[in-house]
Amino acid sequence: MRDVSNEDIAAYRPLCRKLAHRYEGVGGAEFDDLEQEGLIAVWQLLRRGFPVSTKAVEDRLRDWIRICRRQGFAYGEEPALG
């Protein structure tokens, strides 16, 4: 695993924002959550030494959309009990 700086991740922010806008609202997913998930994907890829690709980031966003559909909540919200 390698060290990843904030600058390394920030270089991919435009890609993450673009994809977050594309998937915003799908399955109840919110823009901010999607952008954050995209940046997490970038960080994980860079840390493991893999190249960052649009497909890899999109896969992470689609995973988040599936979670939103199943559980019906976003970051910062408490999941419904019962």
PDB file of N, CA and C in Angstrom:
ATOM      1  N   MET A   1       0.843  -1.176   0.000  1.00  0.00           N
ATOM      2  CA  MET A   1       0.000   0.000   0.000  1.00  0.00           C
ATOM      3  C   MET A   1       0.883   1.232   0.000  1.00  0.00           C
ATOM      4  N   ARG A   2       0.445   2.211  -0.754  1.00  0.00           N
ATOM      5  CA  ARG A   2       1.253   3.423  -0.828  1.00  0.00           C
ATOM      6  C   ARG A   2       0.517   4.590  -0.195  1.00  0.00           C
ATOM      7  N   ASP A   3       1.273   5.604   0.174  1.00  0.00           N
ATOM      8  CA  ASP A   3       0.676   6.819   0.723  1.00  0.00           C
ATOM      9  C   ASP A   3      -0.006   7.596  -0.395  1.00  0.00           C
ATOM     10  N   VAL A   4      -1.150   8.169  -0.074  1.00  0.00           N
ATOM     11  CA  VAL A   4      -1.912   8.959  -1.037  1.00  0.00           C
ATOM     12  C   VAL A   4      -2.177  10.310  -0.404  1.00  0.00           C
ATOM     13  N   SER A   5      -1.831  11.372  -1.108  1.00  0.00           N
ATOM     14  CA  SER A   5      -2.033  12.714  -0.573  1.00  0.00           C
ATOM     15  C   SER A   5      -3.406  13.255  -0.961  1.00  0.00           C
ATOM     16  N   ASN A   6      -3.818  14.279  -0.267  1.00  0.00           N
ATOM     17  CA  ASN A   6      -5.079  14.955  -0.612  1.00  0.00           C
ATOM     18  C   ASN A   6      -5.036  15.483  -2.038  1.00  0.00           C
ATOM     19  N   GLU A   7      -3.865  15.937  -2.458  1.00  0.00           N
ATOM     20  CA  GLU A   7      -3.710  16.463  -3.814  1.00  0.00           C
ATOM     21  C   GLU A   7      -3.901  15.364  -4.856  1.00  0.00           C
ATOM     22  N   ASP A   8      -3.417  14.156  -4.539  1.00  0.00           N
ATOM     23  CA  ASP A   8      -3.606  13.016  -5.448  1.00  0.00           C
ATOM     24  C   ASP A   8      -5.094  12.762  -5.666  1.00  0.00           C
ATOM     25  N   ILE A   9      -5.845  12.771  -4.585  1.00  0.00           N
ATOM     26  CA  ILE A   9      -7.281  12.508  -4.657  1.00  0.00           C
ATOM     27  C   ILE A   9      -8.010  13.672  -5.312  1.00  0.00           C
ATOM     28  N   ALA A  10      -7.632  14.893  -4.947  1.00  0.00           N
ATOM     29  CA  ALA A  10      -8.303  16.086  -5.480  1.00  0.00           C
ATOM     30  C   ALA A  10      -8.199  16.173  -7.002  1.00  0.00           C
ATOM     31  N   ALA A  11      -7.177  15.602  -7.567  1.00  0.00           N
ATOM     32  CA  ALA A  11      -7.016  15.623  -9.021  1.00  0.00           C
ATOM     33  C   ALA A  11      -8.172  14.912  -9.720  1.00  0.00           C
ATOM     34  N   TYR A  12      -8.844  14.013  -9.014  1.00  0.00           N
ATOM     35  CA  TYR A  12      -9.955  13.246  -9.586  1.00  0.00           C
ATOM     36  C   TYR A  12     -11.325  13.795  -9.177  1.00  0.00           C
ATOM     37  N   ARG A  13     -11.340  14.890  -8.443  1.00  0.00           N
ATOM     38  CA  ARG A  13     -12.620  15.468  -8.004  1.00  0.00           C
ATOM     39  C   ARG A  13     -13.527  15.829  -9.180  1.00  0.00           C
ATOM     40  N   PRO A  14     -13.012  16.444 -10.261  1.00  0.00           N
ATOM     41  CA  PRO A  14     -13.908  16.738 -11.398  1.00  0.00           C
ATOM     42  C   PRO A  14     -14.587  15.484 -11.958  1.00  0.00           C
ATOM     43  N   LEU A  15     -13.865  14.387 -12.056  1.00  0.00           N
ATOM     44  CA  LEU A  15     -14.457  13.134 -12.528  1.00  0.00           C
ATOM     45  C   LEU A  15     -15.551  12.677 -11.565  1.00  0.00           C
ATOM     46  N   CYS A  16     -15.267  12.713 -10.278  1.00  0.00           N
ATOM     47  CA  CYS A  16     -16.241  12.265  -9.283  1.00  0.00           C
ATOM     48  C   CYS A  16     -17.489  13.143  -9.289  1.00  0.00           C
ATOM     49  N   ARG A  17     -17.302  14.447  -9.452  1.00  0.00           N
ATOM     50  CA  ARG A  17     -18.450  15.369  -9.502  1.00  0.00           C
ATOM     51  C   ARG A  17     -19.294  15.108 -10.749  1.00  0.00           C
ATOM     52  N   LYS A  18     -18.637  14.897 -11.867  1.00  0.00           N
ATOM     53  CA  LYS A  18     -19.350  14.631 -13.118  1.00  0.00           C
ATOM     54  C   LYS A  18     -20.201  13.365 -12.986  1.00  0.00           C
ATOM     55  N   LEU A  19     -19.602  12.312 -12.447  1.00  0.00           N
ATOM     56  CA  LEU A  19     -20.335  11.064 -12.293  1.00  0.00           C
ATOM     57  C   LEU A  19     -21.433  11.186 -11.235  1.00  0.00           C
ATOM     58  N   ALA A  20     -21.180  11.940 -10.179  1.00  0.00           N
ATOM     59  CA  ALA A  20     -22.204  12.144  -9.146  1.00  0.00           C
ATOM     60  C   ALA A  20     -23.417  12.860  -9.734  1.00  0.00           C
ATOM     61  N   HIS A  21     -23.167  13.849 -10.584  1.00  0.00           N
ATOM     62  CA  HIS A  21     -24.282  14.538 -11.245  1.00  0.00           C
ATOM     63  C   HIS A  21     -25.060  13.567 -12.136  1.00  0.00           C
ATOM     64  N   ARG A  22     -24.352  12.692 -12.818  1.00  0.00           N
ATOM     65  CA  ARG A  22     -24.990  11.738 -13.727  1.00  0.00           C
ATOM     66  C   ARG A  22     -25.927  10.789 -12.969  1.00  0.00           C
ATOM     67  N   TYR A  23     -25.516  10.349 -11.773  1.00  0.00           N
ATOM     68  CA  TYR A  23     -26.278   9.357 -11.027  1.00  0.00           C
ATOM     69  C   TYR A  23     -27.157   9.959  -9.925  1.00  0.00           C
ATOM     70  N   GLU A  24     -27.108  11.255  -9.751  1.00  0.00           N
ATOM     71  CA  GLU A  24     -27.889  11.917  -8.703  1.00  0.00           C
ATOM     72  C   GLU A  24     -29.374  11.585  -8.840  1.00  0.00           C
ATOM     73  N   GLY A  25     -29.984  11.193  -7.751  1.00  0.00           N
ATOM     74  CA  GLY A  25     -31.406  10.883  -7.737  1.00  0.00           C
ATOM     75  C   GLY A  25     -31.741   9.446  -8.053  1.00  0.00           C
ATOM     76  N   VAL A  26     -30.826   8.733  -8.653  1.00  0.00           N
ATOM     77  CA  VAL A  26     -31.083   7.323  -8.979  1.00  0.00           C
ATOM     78  C   VAL A  26     -31.143   6.539  -7.672  1.00  0.00           C
ATOM     79  N   GLY A  27     -32.233   5.857  -7.459  1.00  0.00           N
ATOM     80  CA  GLY A  27     -32.388   5.048  -6.251  1.00  0.00           C
ATOM     81  C   GLY A  27     -32.395   5.851  -4.968  1.00  0.00           C
ATOM     82  N   GLY A  28     -32.621   7.155  -5.077  1.00  0.00           N
ATOM     83  CA  GLY A  28     -32.631   8.006  -3.891  1.00  0.00           C
ATOM     84  C   GLY A  28     -31.251   8.514  -3.487  1.00  0.00           C
ATOM     85  N   ALA A  29     -30.232   8.222  -4.279  1.00  0.00           N
ATOM     86  CA  ALA A  29     -28.869   8.653  -3.947  1.00  0.00           C
ATOM     87  C   ALA A  29     -28.725  10.160  -4.135  1.00  0.00           C
ATOM     88  N   GLU A  30     -28.051  10.791  -3.201  1.00  0.00           N
ATOM     89  CA  GLU A  30     -27.839  12.234  -3.231  1.00  0.00           C
ATOM     90  C   GLU A  30     -26.449  12.568  -3.773  1.00  0.00           C
ATOM     91  N   PHE A  31     -26.360  13.743  -4.399  1.00  0.00           N
ATOM     92  CA  PHE A  31     -25.118  14.182  -5.040  1.00  0.00           C
ATOM     93  C   PHE A  31     -23.920  14.106  -4.091  1.00  0.00           C
ATOM     94  N   ASP A  32     -24.051  14.701  -2.901  1.00  0.00           N
ATOM     95  CA  ASP A  32     -22.915  14.757  -1.969  1.00  0.00           C
ATOM     96  C   ASP A  32     -22.422  13.365  -1.590  1.00  0.00           C
ATOM     97  N   ASP A  33     -23.359  12.452  -1.368  1.00  0.00           N
ATOM     98  CA  ASP A  33     -22.987  11.086  -1.016  1.00  0.00           C
ATOM     99  C   ASP A  33     -22.279  10.397  -2.179  1.00  0.00           C
ATOM    100  N   LEU A  34     -22.800  10.606  -3.379  1.00  0.00           N
ATOM    101  CA  LEU A  34     -22.181  10.001  -4.560  1.00  0.00           C
ATOM    102  C   LEU A  34     -20.776  10.542  -4.790  1.00  0.00           C
ATOM    103  N   GLU A  35     -20.616  11.852  -4.635  1.00  0.00           N
ATOM    104  CA  GLU A  35     -19.286  12.438  -4.803  1.00  0.00           C
ATOM    105  C   GLU A  35     -18.316  11.846  -3.775  1.00  0.00           C
ATOM    106  N   GLN A  36     -18.770  11.735  -2.544  1.00  0.00           N
ATOM    107  CA  GLN A  36     -17.932  11.176  -1.488  1.00  0.00           C
ATOM    108  C   GLN A  36     -17.564   9.725  -1.797  1.00  0.00           C
ATOM    109  N   GLU A  37     -18.511   8.942  -2.233  1.00  0.00           N
ATOM    110  CA  GLU A  37     -18.232   7.554  -2.599  1.00  0.00           C
ATOM    111  C   GLU A  37     -17.213   7.476  -3.736  1.00  0.00           C
ATOM    112  N   GLY A  38     -17.335   8.384  -4.701  1.00  0.00           N
ATOM    113  CA  GLY A  38     -16.372   8.426  -5.797  1.00  0.00           C
ATOM    114  C   GLY A  38     -14.967   8.723  -5.310  1.00  0.00           C
ATOM    115  N   LEU A  39     -14.855   9.679  -4.402  1.00  0.00           N
ATOM    116  CA  LEU A  39     -13.542  10.036  -3.867  1.00  0.00           C
ATOM    117  C   LEU A  39     -12.953   8.902  -3.024  1.00  0.00           C
ATOM    118  N   ILE A  40     -13.813   8.185  -2.323  1.00  0.00           N
ATOM    119  CA  ILE A  40     -13.352   7.013  -1.566  1.00  0.00           C
ATOM    120  C   ILE A  40     -12.806   5.965  -2.527  1.00  0.00           C
ATOM    121  N   ALA A  41     -13.509   5.755  -3.633  1.00  0.00           N
ATOM    122  CA  ALA A  41     -13.045   4.788  -4.634  1.00  0.00           C
ATOM    123  C   ALA A  41     -11.673   5.192  -5.170  1.00  0.00           C
ATOM    124  N   VAL A  42     -11.497   6.475  -5.463  1.00  0.00           N
ATOM    125  CA  VAL A  42     -10.211   6.979  -5.952  1.00  0.00           C
ATOM    126  C   VAL A  42      -9.118   6.704  -4.923  1.00  0.00           C
ATOM    127  N   TRP A  43      -9.381   7.033  -3.682  1.00  0.00           N
ATOM    128  CA  TRP A  43      -8.398   6.831  -2.627  1.00  0.00           C
ATOM    129  C   TRP A  43      -8.006   5.354  -2.523  1.00  0.00           C
ATOM    130  N   GLN A  44      -9.008   4.470  -2.545  1.00  0.00           N
ATOM    131  CA  GLN A  44      -8.709   3.045  -2.424  1.00  0.00           C
ATOM    132  C   GLN A  44      -7.897   2.540  -3.612  1.00  0.00           C
ATOM    133  N   LEU A  45      -8.248   2.975  -4.803  1.00  0.00           N
ATOM    134  CA  LEU A  45      -7.504   2.549  -5.987  1.00  0.00           C
ATOM    135  C   LEU A  45      -6.055   3.017  -5.929  1.00  0.00           C
ATOM    136  N   LEU A  46      -5.855   4.296  -5.641  1.00  0.00           N
ATOM    137  CA  LEU A  46      -4.496   4.846  -5.575  1.00  0.00           C
ATOM    138  C   LEU A  46      -3.686   4.168  -4.473  1.00  0.00           C
ATOM    139  N   ARG A  47      -4.311   3.962  -3.336  1.00  0.00           N
ATOM    140  CA  ARG A  47      -3.614   3.347  -2.204  1.00  0.00           C
ATOM    141  C   ARG A  47      -3.152   1.926  -2.540  1.00  0.00           C
ATOM    142  N   ARG A  48      -3.934   1.223  -3.326  1.00  0.00           N
ATOM    143  CA  ARG A  48      -3.578  -0.150  -3.703  1.00  0.00           C
ATOM    144  C   ARG A  48      -2.691  -0.210  -4.940  1.00  0.00           C
ATOM    145  N   GLY A  49      -2.434   0.952  -5.542  1.00  0.00           N
ATOM    146  CA  GLY A  49      -1.555   0.991  -6.702  1.00  0.00           C
ATOM    147  C   GLY A  49      -2.235   0.695  -8.021  1.00  0.00           C
ATOM    148  N   PHE A  50      -3.562   0.749  -8.050  1.00  0.00           N
ATOM    149  CA  PHE A  50      -4.310   0.509  -9.276  1.00  0.00           C
ATOM    150  C   PHE A  50      -4.585   1.822  -9.994  1.00  0.00           C
ATOM    151  N   PRO A  51      -4.728   1.784 -11.306  1.00  0.00           N
ATOM    152  CA  PRO A  51      -5.075   3.012 -12.028  1.00  0.00           C
ATOM    153  C   PRO A  51      -6.533   3.386 -11.759  1.00  0.00           C
ATOM    154  N   VAL A  52      -6.792   4.675 -11.701  1.00  0.00           N
ATOM    155  CA  VAL A  52      -8.162   5.163 -11.519  1.00  0.00           C
ATOM    156  C   VAL A  52      -8.831   5.193 -12.883  1.00  0.00           C
ATOM    157  N   SER A  53     -10.007   4.598 -12.958  1.00  0.00           N
ATOM    158  CA  SER A  53     -10.762   4.596 -14.209  1.00  0.00           C
ATOM    159  C   SER A  53     -12.191   5.032 -13.932  1.00  0.00           C
ATOM    160  N   THR A  54     -12.820   5.549 -14.966  1.00  0.00           N
ATOM    161  CA  THR A  54     -14.220   5.937 -14.851  1.00  0.00           C
ATOM    162  C   THR A  54     -15.055   4.736 -14.437  1.00  0.00           C
ATOM    163  N   LYS A  55     -14.783   3.593 -15.026  1.00  0.00           N
ATOM    164  CA  LYS A  55     -15.547   2.385 -14.714  1.00  0.00           C
ATOM    165  C   LYS A  55     -15.437   2.005 -13.241  1.00  0.00           C
ATOM    166  N   ALA A  56     -14.253   2.074 -12.696  1.00  0.00           N
ATOM    167  CA  ALA A  56     -14.060   1.704 -11.290  1.00  0.00           C
ATOM    168  C   ALA A  56     -14.840   2.642 -10.368  1.00  0.00           C
ATOM    169  N   VAL A  57     -14.823   3.930 -10.671  1.00  0.00           N
ATOM    170  CA  VAL A  57     -15.563   4.895  -9.853  1.00  0.00           C
ATOM    171  C   VAL A  57     -17.063   4.672 -10.023  1.00  0.00           C
ATOM    172  N   GLU A  58     -17.508   4.457 -11.260  1.00  0.00           N
ATOM    173  CA  GLU A  58     -18.930   4.188 -11.504  1.00  0.00           C
ATOM    174  C   GLU A  58     -19.392   2.935 -10.767  1.00  0.00           C
ATOM    175  N   ASP A  59     -18.567   1.926 -10.723  1.00  0.00           N
ATOM    176  CA  ASP A  59     -18.928   0.698 -10.000  1.00  0.00           C
ATOM    177  C   ASP A  59     -19.192   1.006  -8.530  1.00  0.00           C
ATOM    178  N   ARG A  60     -18.365   1.851  -7.939  1.00  0.00           N
ATOM    179  CA  ARG A  60     -18.550   2.231  -6.534  1.00  0.00           C
ATOM    180  C   ARG A  60     -19.856   3.005  -6.358  1.00  0.00           C
ATOM    181  N   LEU A  61     -20.157   3.902  -7.299  1.00  0.00           N
ATOM    182  CA  LEU A  61     -21.395   4.676  -7.213  1.00  0.00           C
ATOM    183  C   LEU A  61     -22.606   3.764  -7.354  1.00  0.00           C
ATOM    184  N   ARG A  62     -22.536   2.821  -8.246  1.00  0.00           N
ATOM    185  CA  ARG A  62     -23.651   1.870  -8.414  1.00  0.00           C
ATOM    186  C   ARG A  62     -23.854   1.033  -7.154  1.00  0.00           C
ATOM    187  N   ASP A  63     -22.762   0.672  -6.498  1.00  0.00           N
ATOM    188  CA  ASP A  63     -22.884  -0.048  -5.222  1.00  0.00           C
ATOM    189  C   ASP A  63     -23.622   0.813  -4.198  1.00  0.00           C
ATOM    190  N   TRP A  64     -23.282   2.098  -4.137  1.00  0.00           N
ATOM    191  CA  TRP A  64     -23.941   3.005  -3.193  1.00  0.00           C
ATOM    192  C   TRP A  64     -25.432   3.138  -3.527  1.00  0.00           C
ATOM    193  N   ILE A  65     -25.750   3.219  -4.808  1.00  0.00           N
ATOM    194  CA  ILE A  65     -27.154   3.314  -5.222  1.00  0.00           C
ATOM    195  C   ILE A  65     -27.914   2.066  -4.772  1.00  0.00           C
ATOM    196  N   ARG A  66     -27.301   0.906  -4.890  1.00  0.00           N
ATOM    197  CA  ARG A  66     -27.955  -0.335  -4.429  1.00  0.00           C
ATOM    198  C   ARG A  66     -28.211  -0.276  -2.921  1.00  0.00           C
ATOM    199  N   ILE A  67     -27.250   0.238  -2.185  1.00  0.00           N
ATOM    200  CA  ILE A  67     -27.427   0.372  -0.734  1.00  0.00           C
ATOM    201  C   ILE A  67     -28.588   1.324  -0.437  1.00  0.00           C
ATOM    202  N   CYS A  68     -28.639   2.439  -1.133  1.00  0.00           N
ATOM    203  CA  CYS A  68     -29.722   3.406  -0.916  1.00  0.00           C
ATOM    204  C   CYS A  68     -31.079   2.780  -1.211  1.00  0.00           C
ATOM    205  N   ARG A  69     -31.158   2.027  -2.263  1.00  0.00           N
ATOM    206  CA  ARG A  69     -32.433   1.376  -2.624  1.00  0.00           C
ATOM    207  C   ARG A  69     -32.857   0.371  -1.559  1.00  0.00           C
ATOM    208  N   ARG A  70     -31.890  -0.398  -1.083  1.00  0.00           N
ATOM    209  CA  ARG A  70     -32.192  -1.439  -0.088  1.00  0.00           C
ATOM    210  C   ARG A  70     -32.556  -0.848   1.262  1.00  0.00           C
ATOM    211  N   GLN A  71     -31.770   0.123   1.698  1.00  0.00           N
ATOM    212  CA  GLN A  71     -31.915   0.605   3.069  1.00  0.00           C
ATOM    213  C   GLN A  71     -32.682   1.914   3.171  1.00  0.00           C
ATOM    214  N   GLY A  72     -32.788   2.632   2.077  1.00  0.00           N
ATOM    215  CA  GLY A  72     -33.586   3.848   2.080  1.00  0.00           C
ATOM    216  C   GLY A  72     -33.052   4.985   2.918  1.00  0.00           C
ATOM    217  N   PHE A  73     -31.725   5.118   3.021  1.00  0.00           N
ATOM    218  CA  PHE A  73     -31.165   6.258   3.730  1.00  0.00           C
ATOM    219  C   PHE A  73     -29.846   6.679   3.107  1.00  0.00           C
ATOM    220  N   ALA A  74     -29.414   7.888   3.454  1.00  0.00           N
ATOM    221  CA  ALA A  74     -28.163   8.442   2.952  1.00  0.00           C
ATOM    222  C   ALA A  74     -27.245   8.738   4.134  1.00  0.00           C
ATOM    223  N   TYR A  75     -26.014   9.153   3.848  1.00  0.00           N
ATOM    224  CA  TYR A  75     -25.083   9.535   4.908  1.00  0.00           C
ATOM    225  C   TYR A  75     -25.728  10.575   5.808  1.00  0.00           C
ATOM    226  N   GLY A  76     -25.459  10.489   7.091  1.00  0.00           N
ATOM    227  CA  GLY A  76     -25.949  11.487   8.025  1.00  0.00           C
ATOM    228  C   GLY A  76     -27.374  11.236   8.488  1.00  0.00           C
ATOM    229  N   GLU A  77     -28.023  10.241   7.945  1.00  0.00           N
ATOM    230  CA  GLU A  77     -29.384   9.917   8.376  1.00  0.00           C
ATOM    231  C   GLU A  77     -29.352   8.603   9.130  1.00  0.00           C
ATOM    232  N   GLU A  78     -30.201   8.512  10.116  1.00  0.00           N
ATOM    233  CA  GLU A  78     -30.323   7.273  10.850  1.00  0.00           C
ATOM    234  C   GLU A  78     -31.164   6.298  10.049  1.00  0.00           C
ATOM    235  N   PRO A  79     -30.742   5.046   9.987  1.00  0.00           N
ATOM    236  CA  PRO A  79     -31.581   4.060   9.292  1.00  0.00           C
ATOM    237  C   PRO A  79     -32.890   3.852  10.050  1.00  0.00           C
ATOM    238  N   ALA A  80     -33.933   3.600   9.294  1.00  0.00           N
ATOM    239  CA  ALA A  80     -35.240   3.338   9.904  1.00  0.00           C
ATOM    240  C   ALA A  80     -35.196   1.999  10.615  1.00  0.00           C
ATOM    241  N   LEU A  81     -35.680   1.973  11.824  1.00  0.00           N
ATOM    242  CA  LEU A  81     -35.722   0.729  12.590  1.00  0.00           C
ATOM    243  C   LEU A  81     -37.111   0.124  12.478  1.00  0.00           C
ATOM    244  N   GLY A  82     -37.123  -1.196  12.348  1.00  0.00           N
ATOM    245  CA  GLY A  82     -38.415  -1.871  12.346  1.00  0.00           C
ATOM    246  C   GLY A  82     -38.898  -2.229  11.051  1.00  0.00           C
TER     247      GLY A  82
END
